[in-house]
Amino acid sequence: RLNAPIVFDRDAGGYRFDTPDRYAPRYELPGLWFNASEIHALLTMQHLLEEVQPGLLGPHIAPLLARLKSLLGSHDNAPEEVADRIRILHAAKRKMDLRYFEVLANALLNRKRLLLRHYNRKSGEESEREVSPQRLVYYRDNWYLDAWCHLRKDIRSFAVDAIRHAGISDKTAKAVPARELDTVLGAGYGIFGGSKVQWATLRFTPERARWVSAEEWHPQQKTRFADDGSYLMEVPYSADTELLMDILRHMPEVQVIKPEALKKRLMATLEAGLAAHRSSDNPG
């Protein structure tokens, strides 16, 4: 089937490769071959994936890892060096149940609907949902499921760690074009996207600009330096929750120029925080 030059050897009592003529092209069985550098690169990628979500791929690729490590043999750079020399630190990573993640991934790849019980942190209530999964998104150290919600008749994004139960339905998932998903969830700022987009203009001090000018807050952001060295950023957003979080992270070296509604929301947040601290200083 592979056109290999295999012949029967009566003396050896079996089959062997035919001895080729010295002018004939050499034959090699097709396969997947790696040198030491390529194996280290694969092990590094595996380690990075394991750090993104511990236990997610381990059971499935364990045989491959064992084979890669055996191929390295007694090489000077042992595979364990990868884990010792590369470290990923997570910030605000929330715990989730891997059982449900695997159910979500299975339904997503097999194009089946999901029956979810989802916890709404804002209301503190749980709700039953039938959804058609569209894609899994890893954002700021946490996983989200973009899906078509058959209850709301609209596109929704669910935090995977807030899913209390997940089961696969026999129904075929509704397909939503990627462009439509991006229009609803990707146009606005961060994971709190939406179809009603407005633009915020922020001004950072020259000192803070040294850091912020190297950051990408949104793929469609518009930036420029002013004559005084300050840094102006225009960024699209729908819900302002996450945008406010990032603005507060840079206070007091950032100023909201517009819109006025975002500026008022920021001032109200700051005043509420000050009031809470003043009350804690005077509990009586």
C-alpha atoms as a PDB file:
ATOM      1  CA  ARG A   1       0.000   0.000   0.000  1.00  0.00           C
ATOM      2  CA  LEU A   2       2.908   2.357   0.670  1.00  0.00           C
ATOM      3  CA  ASN A   3       4.956   1.079  -2.315  1.00  0.00           C
ATOM      4  CA  ALA A   4       7.685  -0.110   0.031  1.00  0.00           C
ATOM      5  CA  PRO A   5      10.299  -2.488  -1.498  1.00  0.00           C
ATOM      6  CA  ILE A   6       9.408  -5.483   0.709  1.00  0.00           C
ATOM      7  CA  VAL A   7      10.397  -8.993  -0.400  1.00  0.00           C
ATOM      8  CA  PHE A   8      10.087 -12.468   1.091  1.00  0.00           C
ATOM      9  CA  ASP A   9      13.377 -13.929   2.359  1.00  0.00           C
ATOM     10  CA  ARG A  10      13.179 -17.750   2.392  1.00  0.00           C
ATOM     11  CA  ASP A  11      16.443 -18.096   4.318  1.00  0.00           C
ATOM     12  CA  ALA A  12      15.355 -15.633   7.022  1.00  0.00           C
ATOM     13  CA  GLY A  13      11.876 -17.118   7.115  1.00  0.00           C
ATOM     14  CA  GLY A  14      10.113 -13.758   6.785  1.00  0.00           C
ATOM     15  CA  TYR A  15       9.822 -10.450   4.966  1.00  0.00           C
ATOM     16  CA  ARG A  16      12.453  -7.740   4.728  1.00  0.00           C
ATOM     17  CA  PHE A  17      13.272  -4.604   2.821  1.00  0.00           C
ATOM     18  CA  ASP A  18      14.864  -5.392  -0.512  1.00  0.00           C
ATOM     19  CA  THR A  19      18.487  -4.341  -0.843  1.00  0.00           C
ATOM     20  CA  PRO A  20      18.262  -1.455  -3.284  1.00  0.00           C
ATOM     21  CA  ASP A  21      20.577  -0.843  -6.146  1.00  0.00           C
ATOM     22  CA  ARG A  22      23.148   1.711  -5.087  1.00  0.00           C
ATOM     23  CA  TYR A  23      21.850   4.105  -7.734  1.00  0.00           C
ATOM     24  CA  ALA A  24      18.212   3.646  -6.709  1.00  0.00           C
ATOM     25  CA  PRO A  25      16.561   6.202  -4.416  1.00  0.00           C
ATOM     26  CA  ARG A  26      16.494   5.202  -0.762  1.00  0.00           C
ATOM     27  CA  TYR A  27      13.108   4.383   0.768  1.00  0.00           C
ATOM     28  CA  GLU A  28      11.941   5.460   4.207  1.00  0.00           C
ATOM     29  CA  LEU A  29       8.687   4.605   5.908  1.00  0.00           C
ATOM     30  CA  PRO A  30       6.516   7.702   6.191  1.00  0.00           C
ATOM     31  CA  GLY A  31       5.902   8.881   9.717  1.00  0.00           C
ATOM     32  CA  LEU A  32       6.189  11.697  12.215  1.00  0.00           C
ATOM     33  CA  TRP A  33       9.787  12.295  13.204  1.00  0.00           C
ATOM     34  CA  PHE A  34      11.174  14.918  15.555  1.00  0.00           C
ATOM     35  CA  ASN A  35      14.619  16.100  16.499  1.00  0.00           C
ATOM     36  CA  ALA A  36      15.498  17.036  20.084  1.00  0.00           C
ATOM     37  CA  SER A  37      14.635  20.721  19.614  1.00  0.00           C
ATOM     38  CA  GLU A  38      11.235  19.927  18.139  1.00  0.00           C
ATOM     39  CA  ILE A  39      10.442  17.505  20.968  1.00  0.00           C
ATOM     40  CA  HIS A  40      11.330  20.157  23.544  1.00  0.00           C
ATOM     41  CA  ALA A  41       9.054  22.601  21.719  1.00  0.00           C
ATOM     42  CA  LEU A  42       6.157  20.111  21.904  1.00  0.00           C
ATOM     43  CA  LEU A  43       6.778  19.451  25.592  1.00  0.00           C
ATOM     44  CA  THR A  44       6.878  23.197  26.227  1.00  0.00           C
ATOM     45  CA  MET A  45       3.533  23.686  24.475  1.00  0.00           C
ATOM     46  CA  GLN A  46       2.062  20.840  26.518  1.00  0.00           C
ATOM     47  CA  HIS A  47       3.307  22.466  29.722  1.00  0.00           C
ATOM     48  CA  LEU A  48       1.808  25.812  28.708  1.00  0.00           C
ATOM     49  CA  LEU A  49      -1.555  24.165  27.977  1.00  0.00           C
ATOM     50  CA  GLU A  50      -1.441  22.335  31.294  1.00  0.00           C
ATOM     51  CA  GLU A  51      -0.878  25.642  33.078  1.00  0.00           C
ATOM     52  CA  VAL A  52      -3.806  27.234  31.247  1.00  0.00           C
ATOM     53  CA  GLN A  53      -6.138  24.508  32.492  1.00  0.00           C
ATOM     54  CA  PRO A  54      -4.618  21.762  34.686  1.00  0.00           C
ATOM     55  CA  GLY A  55      -5.906  18.292  33.871  1.00  0.00           C
ATOM     56  CA  LEU A  56      -7.713  19.249  30.681  1.00  0.00           C
ATOM     57  CA  LEU A  57      -5.557  17.389  28.172  1.00  0.00           C
ATOM     58  CA  GLY A  58      -3.381  15.237  30.426  1.00  0.00           C
ATOM     59  CA  PRO A  59      -5.242  11.904  30.152  1.00  0.00           C
ATOM     60  CA  HIS A  60      -5.598  12.212  26.371  1.00  0.00           C
ATOM     61  CA  ILE A  61      -1.998  12.999  25.463  1.00  0.00           C
ATOM     62  CA  ALA A  62      -0.181  11.000  28.162  1.00  0.00           C
ATOM     63  CA  PRO A  63       0.885   8.250  25.680  1.00  0.00           C
ATOM     64  CA  LEU A  64       2.321  10.884  23.314  1.00  0.00           C
ATOM     65  CA  LEU A  65       4.244  12.554  26.141  1.00  0.00           C
ATOM     66  CA  ALA A  66       5.706   9.237  27.242  1.00  0.00           C
ATOM     67  CA  ARG A  67       6.859   8.576  23.686  1.00  0.00           C
ATOM     68  CA  LEU A  68       8.394  12.038  23.326  1.00  0.00           C
ATOM     69  CA  LYS A  69      10.294  11.666  26.596  1.00  0.00           C
ATOM     70  CA  SER A  70      11.644   8.271  25.553  1.00  0.00           C
ATOM     71  CA  LEU A  71      12.813   9.732  22.245  1.00  0.00           C
ATOM     72  CA  LEU A  72      14.831  12.338  24.138  1.00  0.00           C
ATOM     73  CA  GLY A  73      16.497   9.564  26.125  1.00  0.00           C
ATOM     74  CA  SER A  74      19.401  10.846  28.203  1.00  0.00           C
ATOM     75  CA  HIS A  75      19.616  14.201  26.455  1.00  0.00           C
ATOM     76  CA  ASP A  76      21.310  16.905  28.503  1.00  0.00           C
ATOM     77  CA  ASN A  77      18.113  18.957  28.688  1.00  0.00           C
ATOM     78  CA  ALA A  78      15.690  16.645  30.499  1.00  0.00           C
ATOM     79  CA  PRO A  79      11.930  17.182  29.896  1.00  0.00           C
ATOM     80  CA  GLU A  80      11.513  18.063  33.573  1.00  0.00           C
ATOM     81  CA  GLU A  81      13.510  21.238  32.881  1.00  0.00           C
ATOM     82  CA  VAL A  82      10.481  22.610  31.024  1.00  0.00           C
ATOM     83  CA  ALA A  83       8.335  22.599  34.165  1.00  0.00           C
ATOM     84  CA  ASP A  84      11.195  23.905  36.307  1.00  0.00           C
ATOM     85  CA  ARG A  85      12.211  26.776  34.010  1.00  0.00           C
ATOM     86  CA  ILE A  86       8.855  28.013  32.670  1.00  0.00           C
ATOM     87  CA  ARG A  87       6.264  29.378  35.051  1.00  0.00           C
ATOM     88  CA  ILE A  88       2.836  30.893  34.395  1.00  0.00           C
ATOM     89  CA  LEU A  89       1.241  32.932  37.172  1.00  0.00           C
ATOM     90  CA  HIS A  90      -2.534  33.353  37.098  1.00  0.00           C
ATOM     91  CA  ALA A  91      -4.450  36.341  38.413  1.00  0.00           C
ATOM     92  CA  ALA A  92      -8.107  36.110  39.484  1.00  0.00           C
ATOM     93  CA  LYS A  93      -8.468  32.624  38.068  1.00  0.00           C
ATOM     94  CA  ARG A  94     -11.718  30.983  39.166  1.00  0.00           C
ATOM     95  CA  LYS A  95     -12.075  27.280  39.916  1.00  0.00           C
ATOM     96  CA  MET A  96     -14.309  25.182  37.691  1.00  0.00           C
ATOM     97  CA  ASP A  97     -15.476  21.587  37.459  1.00  0.00           C
ATOM     98  CA  LEU A  98     -13.545  19.816  34.690  1.00  0.00           C
ATOM     99  CA  ARG A  99     -16.382  17.315  34.243  1.00  0.00           C
ATOM    100  CA  TYR A 100     -18.628  20.028  32.877  1.00  0.00           C
ATOM    101  CA  PHE A 101     -15.875  21.494  30.741  1.00  0.00           C
ATOM    102  CA  GLU A 102     -15.443  18.140  28.990  1.00  0.00           C
ATOM    103  CA  VAL A 103     -19.208  17.892  28.456  1.00  0.00           C
ATOM    104  CA  LEU A 104     -19.245  21.377  26.927  1.00  0.00           C
ATOM    105  CA  ALA A 105     -16.291  20.610  24.660  1.00  0.00           C
ATOM    106  CA  ASN A 106     -17.869  17.316  23.575  1.00  0.00           C
ATOM    107  CA  ALA A 107     -21.177  18.944  22.662  1.00  0.00           C
ATOM    108  CA  LEU A 108     -19.391  21.817  20.937  1.00  0.00           C
ATOM    109  CA  LEU A 109     -17.309  19.593  18.669  1.00  0.00           C
ATOM    110  CA  ASN A 110     -20.158  17.164  17.946  1.00  0.00           C
ATOM    111  CA  ARG A 111     -22.628  20.021  17.268  1.00  0.00           C
ATOM    112  CA  LYS A 112     -25.176  19.012  19.913  1.00  0.00           C
ATOM    113  CA  ARG A 113     -27.303  21.201  22.170  1.00  0.00           C
ATOM    114  CA  LEU A 114     -26.574  21.514  25.874  1.00  0.00           C
ATOM    115  CA  LEU A 115     -28.909  21.515  28.861  1.00  0.00           C
ATOM    116  CA  LEU A 116     -27.353  23.827  31.441  1.00  0.00           C
ATOM    117  CA  ARG A 117     -28.051  24.936  34.971  1.00  0.00           C
ATOM    118  CA  HIS A 118     -26.348  28.312  35.209  1.00  0.00           C
ATOM    119  CA  TYR A 119     -25.638  30.412  38.289  1.00  0.00           C
ATOM    120  CA  ASN A 120     -26.133  34.162  37.875  1.00  0.00           C
ATOM    121  CA  ARG A 121     -23.727  35.839  40.282  1.00  0.00           C
ATOM    122  CA  LYS A 122     -25.467  39.193  39.998  1.00  0.00           C
ATOM    123  CA  SER A 123     -28.890  37.900  41.070  1.00  0.00           C
ATOM    124  CA  GLY A 124     -27.642  34.918  43.083  1.00  0.00           C
ATOM    125  CA  GLU A 125     -30.137  32.660  41.270  1.00  0.00           C
ATOM    126  CA  GLU A 126     -29.834  29.582  39.076  1.00  0.00           C
ATOM    127  CA  SER A 127     -31.671  29.078  35.781  1.00  0.00           C
ATOM    128  CA  GLU A 128     -32.189  26.181  33.394  1.00  0.00           C
ATOM    129  CA  ARG A 129     -31.062  26.850  29.818  1.00  0.00           C
ATOM    130  CA  GLU A 130     -31.043  24.965  26.544  1.00  0.00           C
ATOM    131  CA  VAL A 131     -28.221  26.336  24.417  1.00  0.00           C
ATOM    132  CA  SER A 132     -26.461  25.635  21.149  1.00  0.00           C
ATOM    133  CA  PRO A 133     -22.713  25.926  21.866  1.00  0.00           C
ATOM    134  CA  GLN A 134     -20.732  27.952  19.332  1.00  0.00           C
ATOM    135  CA  ARG A 135     -17.220  28.304  20.764  1.00  0.00           C
ATOM    136  CA  LEU A 136     -15.146  28.170  23.947  1.00  0.00           C
ATOM    137  CA  VAL A 137     -13.165  31.301  24.784  1.00  0.00           C
ATOM    138  CA  TYR A 138     -10.227  31.574  27.201  1.00  0.00           C
ATOM    139  CA  TYR A 139     -10.155  35.166  28.453  1.00  0.00           C
ATOM    140  CA  ARG A 140      -8.204  36.617  31.364  1.00  0.00           C
ATOM    141  CA  ASP A 141      -7.456  33.229  32.934  1.00  0.00           C
ATOM    142  CA  ASN A 142     -11.058  31.986  32.733  1.00  0.00           C
ATOM    143  CA  TRP A 143     -13.178  29.998  30.268  1.00  0.00           C
ATOM    144  CA  TYR A 144     -16.418  31.215  28.678  1.00  0.00           C
ATOM    145  CA  LEU A 145     -18.956  29.477  26.445  1.00  0.00           C
ATOM    146  CA  ASP A 146     -20.422  31.527  23.603  1.00  0.00           C
ATOM    147  CA  ALA A 147     -23.775  30.021  22.717  1.00  0.00           C
ATOM    148  CA  TRP A 148     -27.211  30.587  21.239  1.00  0.00           C
ATOM    149  CA  CYS A 149     -29.685  30.594  24.137  1.00  0.00           C
ATOM    150  CA  HIS A 150     -32.992  29.027  23.091  1.00  0.00           C
ATOM    151  CA  LEU A 151     -34.714  30.578  26.126  1.00  0.00           C
ATOM    152  CA  ARG A 152     -33.669  34.159  25.349  1.00  0.00           C
ATOM    153  CA  LYS A 153     -33.595  33.643  21.569  1.00  0.00           C
ATOM    154  CA  ASP A 154     -30.284  35.430  21.431  1.00  0.00           C
ATOM    155  CA  ILE A 155     -26.509  35.015  21.701  1.00  0.00           C
ATOM    156  CA  ARG A 156     -25.162  34.737  25.236  1.00  0.00           C
ATOM    157  CA  SER A 157     -21.780  34.164  26.872  1.00  0.00           C
ATOM    158  CA  PHE A 158     -21.690  31.897  29.952  1.00  0.00           C
ATOM    159  CA  ALA A 159     -18.826  31.695  32.444  1.00  0.00           C
ATOM    160  CA  VAL A 160     -17.927  28.005  32.557  1.00  0.00           C
ATOM    161  CA  ASP A 161     -17.129  28.153  36.277  1.00  0.00           C
ATOM    162  CA  ALA A 162     -20.728  29.349  36.894  1.00  0.00           C
ATOM    163  CA  ILE A 163     -22.249  26.247  35.278  1.00  0.00           C
ATOM    164  CA  ARG A 164     -23.670  24.009  37.999  1.00  0.00           C
ATOM    165  CA  HIS A 165     -24.726  21.151  35.708  1.00  0.00           C
ATOM    166  CA  ALA A 166     -24.349  20.293  32.017  1.00  0.00           C
ATOM    167  CA  GLY A 167     -25.859  17.532  29.905  1.00  0.00           C
ATOM    168  CA  ILE A 168     -25.815  16.811  26.176  1.00  0.00           C
ATOM    169  CA  SER A 169     -29.118  16.793  24.275  1.00  0.00           C
ATOM    170  CA  ASP A 170     -29.914  14.661  21.222  1.00  0.00           C
ATOM    171  CA  LYS A 171     -30.950  17.790  19.322  1.00  0.00           C
ATOM    172  CA  THR A 172     -28.621  19.255  16.729  1.00  0.00           C
ATOM    173  CA  ALA A 173     -27.114  22.589  17.717  1.00  0.00           C
ATOM    174  CA  LYS A 174     -28.206  25.735  15.928  1.00  0.00           C
ATOM    175  CA  ALA A 175     -25.344  27.179  13.878  1.00  0.00           C
ATOM    176  CA  VAL A 176     -24.534  30.873  14.263  1.00  0.00           C
ATOM    177  CA  PRO A 177     -22.101  32.464  11.783  1.00  0.00           C
ATOM    178  CA  ALA A 178     -18.787  33.574  13.283  1.00  0.00           C
ATOM    179  CA  ARG A 179     -19.347  37.079  11.940  1.00  0.00           C
ATOM    180  CA  GLU A 180     -22.613  37.345  13.883  1.00  0.00           C
ATOM    181  CA  LEU A 181     -20.900  36.135  17.063  1.00  0.00           C
ATOM    182  CA  ASP A 182     -18.179  38.742  16.631  1.00  0.00           C
ATOM    183  CA  THR A 183     -20.734  41.468  15.963  1.00  0.00           C
ATOM    184  CA  VAL A 184     -22.554  40.761  19.229  1.00  0.00           C
ATOM    185  CA  LEU A 185     -19.724  39.635  21.505  1.00  0.00           C
ATOM    186  CA  GLY A 186     -16.564  40.972  19.917  1.00  0.00           C
ATOM    187  CA  ALA A 187     -17.467  44.542  19.011  1.00  0.00           C
ATOM    188  CA  GLY A 188     -17.647  45.896  22.558  1.00  0.00           C
ATOM    189  CA  TYR A 189     -15.039  45.946  25.286  1.00  0.00           C
ATOM    190  CA  GLY A 190     -13.870  42.608  26.726  1.00  0.00           C
ATOM    191  CA  ILE A 191     -16.133  39.748  27.624  1.00  0.00           C
ATOM    192  CA  PHE A 192     -19.032  42.113  28.355  1.00  0.00           C
ATOM    193  CA  GLY A 193     -19.670  42.710  24.661  1.00  0.00           C
ATOM    194  CA  GLY A 194     -22.914  43.588  22.927  1.00  0.00           C
ATOM    195  CA  SER A 195     -24.380  44.907  19.720  1.00  0.00           C
ATOM    196  CA  LYS A 196     -24.950  48.491  20.997  1.00  0.00           C
ATOM    197  CA  VAL A 197     -21.456  49.902  20.853  1.00  0.00           C
ATOM    198  CA  GLN A 198     -20.247  53.325  21.900  1.00  0.00           C
ATOM    199  CA  TRP A 199     -16.744  54.759  22.162  1.00  0.00           C
ATOM    200  CA  ALA A 200     -14.854  55.961  25.218  1.00  0.00           C
ATOM    201  CA  THR A 201     -11.941  58.406  25.065  1.00  0.00           C
ATOM    202  CA  LEU A 202      -9.354  58.143  27.841  1.00  0.00           C
ATOM    203  CA  ARG A 203      -6.335  60.309  28.592  1.00  0.00           C
ATOM    204  CA  PHE A 204      -3.337  58.857  30.454  1.00  0.00           C
ATOM    205  CA  THR A 205      -0.553  60.901  32.021  1.00  0.00           C
ATOM    206  CA  PRO A 206       2.859  60.833  30.308  1.00  0.00           C
ATOM    207  CA  GLU A 207       4.214  58.620  33.112  1.00  0.00           C
ATOM    208  CA  ARG A 208       1.391  56.059  32.815  1.00  0.00           C
ATOM    209  CA  ALA A 209       1.660  56.176  29.020  1.00  0.00           C
ATOM    210  CA  ARG A 210       4.952  54.275  29.265  1.00  0.00           C
ATOM    211  CA  TRP A 211       2.946  51.201  30.279  1.00  0.00           C
ATOM    212  CA  VAL A 212      -0.429  51.704  28.608  1.00  0.00           C
ATOM    213  CA  SER A 213       1.002  52.501  25.175  1.00  0.00           C
ATOM    214  CA  ALA A 214       2.296  48.913  25.056  1.00  0.00           C
ATOM    215  CA  GLU A 215      -1.123  47.403  25.917  1.00  0.00           C
ATOM    216  CA  GLU A 216      -3.967  46.396  23.640  1.00  0.00           C
ATOM    217  CA  TRP A 217      -7.337  46.919  25.319  1.00  0.00           C
ATOM    218  CA  HIS A 218      -9.323  46.165  22.169  1.00  0.00           C
ATOM    219  CA  PRO A 219      -8.347  45.154  18.596  1.00  0.00           C
ATOM    220  CA  GLN A 220     -10.151  48.224  17.232  1.00  0.00           C
ATOM    221  CA  GLN A 221      -8.717  50.769  19.661  1.00  0.00           C
ATOM    222  CA  LYS A 222      -7.375  54.087  18.359  1.00  0.00           C
ATOM    223  CA  THR A 223      -4.407  55.667  20.097  1.00  0.00           C
ATOM    224  CA  ARG A 224      -2.096  58.661  19.791  1.00  0.00           C
ATOM    225  CA  PHE A 225       0.284  60.763  21.859  1.00  0.00           C
ATOM    226  CA  ALA A 226      -0.655  64.373  22.594  1.00  0.00           C
ATOM    227  CA  ASP A 227       1.844  67.236  22.384  1.00  0.00           C
ATOM    228  CA  ASP A 228       2.264  67.260  26.178  1.00  0.00           C
ATOM    229  CA  GLY A 229       3.254  63.572  26.205  1.00  0.00           C
ATOM    230  CA  SER A 230      -0.086  62.288  27.482  1.00  0.00           C
ATOM    231  CA  TYR A 231      -1.602  59.263  25.777  1.00  0.00           C
ATOM    232  CA  LEU A 232      -5.105  59.266  24.265  1.00  0.00           C
ATOM    233  CA  MET A 233      -6.987  56.026  23.742  1.00  0.00           C
ATOM    234  CA  GLU A 234     -10.361  55.505  22.082  1.00  0.00           C
ATOM    235  CA  VAL A 235     -11.923  52.128  22.778  1.00  0.00           C
ATOM    236  CA  PRO A 236     -15.344  50.647  21.880  1.00  0.00           C
ATOM    237  CA  TYR A 237     -17.551  49.190  24.609  1.00  0.00           C
ATOM    238  CA  SER A 238     -21.102  48.015  25.213  1.00  0.00           C
ATOM    239  CA  ALA A 239     -21.430  47.249  28.916  1.00  0.00           C
ATOM    240  CA  ASP A 240     -19.070  49.435  30.927  1.00  0.00           C
ATOM    241  CA  THR A 241     -18.398  46.958  33.768  1.00  0.00           C
ATOM    242  CA  GLU A 242     -15.037  45.677  32.601  1.00  0.00           C
ATOM    243  CA  LEU A 243     -13.923  48.977  31.112  1.00  0.00           C
ATOM    244  CA  LEU A 244     -14.474  50.670  34.486  1.00  0.00           C
ATOM    245  CA  MET A 245     -12.408  47.960  36.175  1.00  0.00           C
ATOM    246  CA  ASP A 246      -9.459  48.716  33.922  1.00  0.00           C
ATOM    247  CA  ILE A 247      -9.863  52.474  34.278  1.00  0.00           C
ATOM    248  CA  LEU A 248      -9.849  52.160  38.076  1.00  0.00           C
ATOM    249  CA  ARG A 249      -6.669  50.104  37.825  1.00  0.00           C
ATOM    250  CA  HIS A 250      -4.873  53.175  36.464  1.00  0.00           C
ATOM    251  CA  MET A 251      -6.372  55.816  38.743  1.00  0.00           C
ATOM    252  CA  PRO A 252      -5.466  58.607  39.374  1.00  0.00           C
ATOM    253  CA  GLU A 253      -3.327  58.735  36.225  1.00  0.00           C
ATOM    254  CA  VAL A 254      -6.214  58.351  33.788  1.00  0.00           C
ATOM    255  CA  GLN A 255      -9.078  60.685  32.918  1.00  0.00           C
ATOM    256  CA  VAL A 256     -12.319  59.870  31.097  1.00  0.00           C
ATOM    257  CA  ILE A 257     -12.803  62.498  28.405  1.00  0.00           C
ATOM    258  CA  LYS A 258     -16.048  61.112  27.011  1.00  0.00           C
ATOM    259  CA  PRO A 259     -18.800  59.996  26.993  1.00  0.00           C
ATOM    260  CA  GLU A 260     -20.316  61.931  29.848  1.00  0.00           C
ATOM    261  CA  ALA A 261     -22.323  58.911  31.058  1.00  0.00           C
ATOM    262  CA  LEU A 262     -19.139  56.874  31.541  1.00  0.00           C
ATOM    263  CA  LYS A 263     -17.490  59.790  33.362  1.00  0.00           C
ATOM    264  CA  LYS A 264     -20.463  60.064  35.749  1.00  0.00           C
ATOM    265  CA  ARG A 265     -20.476  56.319  36.343  1.00  0.00           C
ATOM    266  CA  LEU A 266     -16.764  56.437  37.212  1.00  0.00           C
ATOM    267  CA  MET A 267     -17.250  59.358  39.616  1.00  0.00           C
ATOM    268  CA  ALA A 268     -20.186  57.613  41.303  1.00  0.00           C
ATOM    269  CA  THR A 269     -18.060  54.470  41.741  1.00  0.00           C
ATOM    270  CA  LEU A 270     -15.197  56.455  43.272  1.00  0.00           C
ATOM    271  CA  GLU A 271     -17.526  58.359  45.588  1.00  0.00           C
ATOM    272  CA  ALA A 272     -19.210  55.121  46.716  1.00  0.00           C
ATOM    273  CA  GLY A 273     -15.788  53.638  47.466  1.00  0.00           C
ATOM    274  CA  LEU A 274     -14.762  56.705  49.486  1.00  0.00           C
ATOM    275  CA  ALA A 275     -18.043  56.633  51.395  1.00  0.00           C
ATOM    276  CA  ALA A 276     -17.553  52.963  52.245  1.00  0.00           C
ATOM    277  CA  HIS A 277     -14.054  53.640  53.553  1.00  0.00           C
ATOM    278  CA  ARG A 278     -15.185  56.638  55.591  1.00  0.00           C
ATOM    279  CA  SER A 279     -17.925  54.566  57.206  1.00  0.00           C
ATOM    280  CA  SER A 280     -15.440  51.807  58.040  1.00  0.00           C
ATOM    281  CA  ASP A 281     -13.251  54.396  59.780  1.00  0.00           C
ATOM    282  CA  ASN A 282     -16.243  55.447  61.923  1.00  0.00           C
ATOM    283  CA  PRO A 283     -18.162  52.243  62.683  1.00  0.00           C
ATOM    284  CA  GLY A 284     -20.062  53.879  65.528  1.00  0.00           C
END
